Amino acid sequence: MNKLLTCIGEILIDFLPLEAKGTTTGFSIHPGGGPFNVAVGLARLEEPVAFAGKVSHDFFGRYLRTYAEAQGIDARFLLASDDAPSTLAFVAMEAGEPVFTFYGEGTADTLLRLEELPAALFEETAILHFGGISLLRGTTPGAVLTVVERLKGQALLSFDPNMRPKLINEERSYRNVLQSFFRLTDLVKLSAADIGWLAPGQPVEQVAVDLLDQGAAMVIVTQGSAGVLALRATSAGEPERWQVPPVQVEVADTVGAGDAFSAGLLAALSRQGVSSRAALVTLSTAAVAEALQFAATVAALTCSRIGANPPTSAEVAQFIGKP
C-alpha cells in the first residue's frame, strides 16, 4: 500500500558562521538542502517519510546518513556515491552582511540516476516532494523529472522551486526545467521572492493564476509578514482563494521557514487522506484552511529559533493548545 511521503533532491552540509566581535571566526556543521529539510520536518511531525538522493562516502556524507536515520527518516532510497564529494555551503559574515560560498560541482547529490532508484520508491510513495537546487546541475534534474513523470496520477506531487538565483548558471535552461515541473505538478509552493525572480514586476496573485493555468491544481505563496496566499483551480474557471495571516511569534530568524511550511502542509494533507490530485481538488474549503493554518504554525515555530530546526508534533500541539 502506498503510504510514504518521499522527498527527493539535494542533501548537503551548511556551515553557519561562528562570530566574535562581528567577525566570522569559525563554522558549525548543519545538515541542509531544501527537500532534506522537508523530510526532517515530516519526521518530527511523525509522518512516515523517506528521503531519496545520493550522498558521498566522505565524512560529511556519513554524517548526513547518520543524521537522517537518527531523525527517523527511511533511508532505503538514500544511495551512496563511490567517489564524489559532499555538497558544502558556507555562510560567513562580512561587514555585517552574510556572504555565501557554495561548493556543488560534481558532488554526490547532483549525480542521482533513475536506474539506481529501487522499485519500492514507486510502489510505496503516496506523496512526492521535490525542488530546490537539485534541479540545477548534474544528472539529478533528469532523474527527478522521470520520477515525477512516473508517479504522475499515482501520488500527490508537491513542488517547491526554492530558487537560488546566484547559483543559476544557465537561466534559459533552468527556466525550461521549471516549466516542465510546473506542467506536471499537483501542488506548487513558492515564496514571494521566488515569484520576484520567476516573473519580475508581475502581481503575485496573477503569477499564481498563471501557474494554475499551466497545470497545477493548487498554488501556495508564502509572503513572510503578509501571510500565505493559496489558490485552487476549479471547474468553474475562477479559482478558490485563501488568505492566511502570519502566526505571531518572536522571530529569531527565518532560515528553513519555507521548508517547515511544506512539511506542515504535507503532514496535514496526509492526515486528511490526501495522496492524489483528485483528493486535493475535492478537499473541503474548511479542511484546506485547516491544513494551511497548521503549516503556517509549523513555519512560525521554526522562525522562533535559530536555524532550520522544525518543531515536533508535541511542540506544535503545545503551541496551539491541544492536549
Foldseek 3Di string as FASTA:
>chain_A
DAFEAEEEFAKAWEWEFDDDPQFGDGTDTDIDDLSVLLQLLLLLQVGQYEYAFEFEPDPRRVVRVVVCVVSVHHDPRYYYDDDFHGKYKYWTGDPNDTDIDTDDPRHTRLADDQVSGDPVCLVHHLEYEYAECNCADHCSLVNVLVSLVSCQQPWAYEYENNDDVVPHDDVVVSLVSVLSDLLRHAEYEYEPVVCCVVPNPDDPVVVQLVSVVSHYQKYKYQYPQQAIWMWGDDPVGHTDIDGDGADDDPFPAQAQLSSQLVSQLVSLCVVVVDTHSVCVNPPDPVSNVVSNVRSSLQSVVCRNDPHSDTHHSVVSCVVVVHD
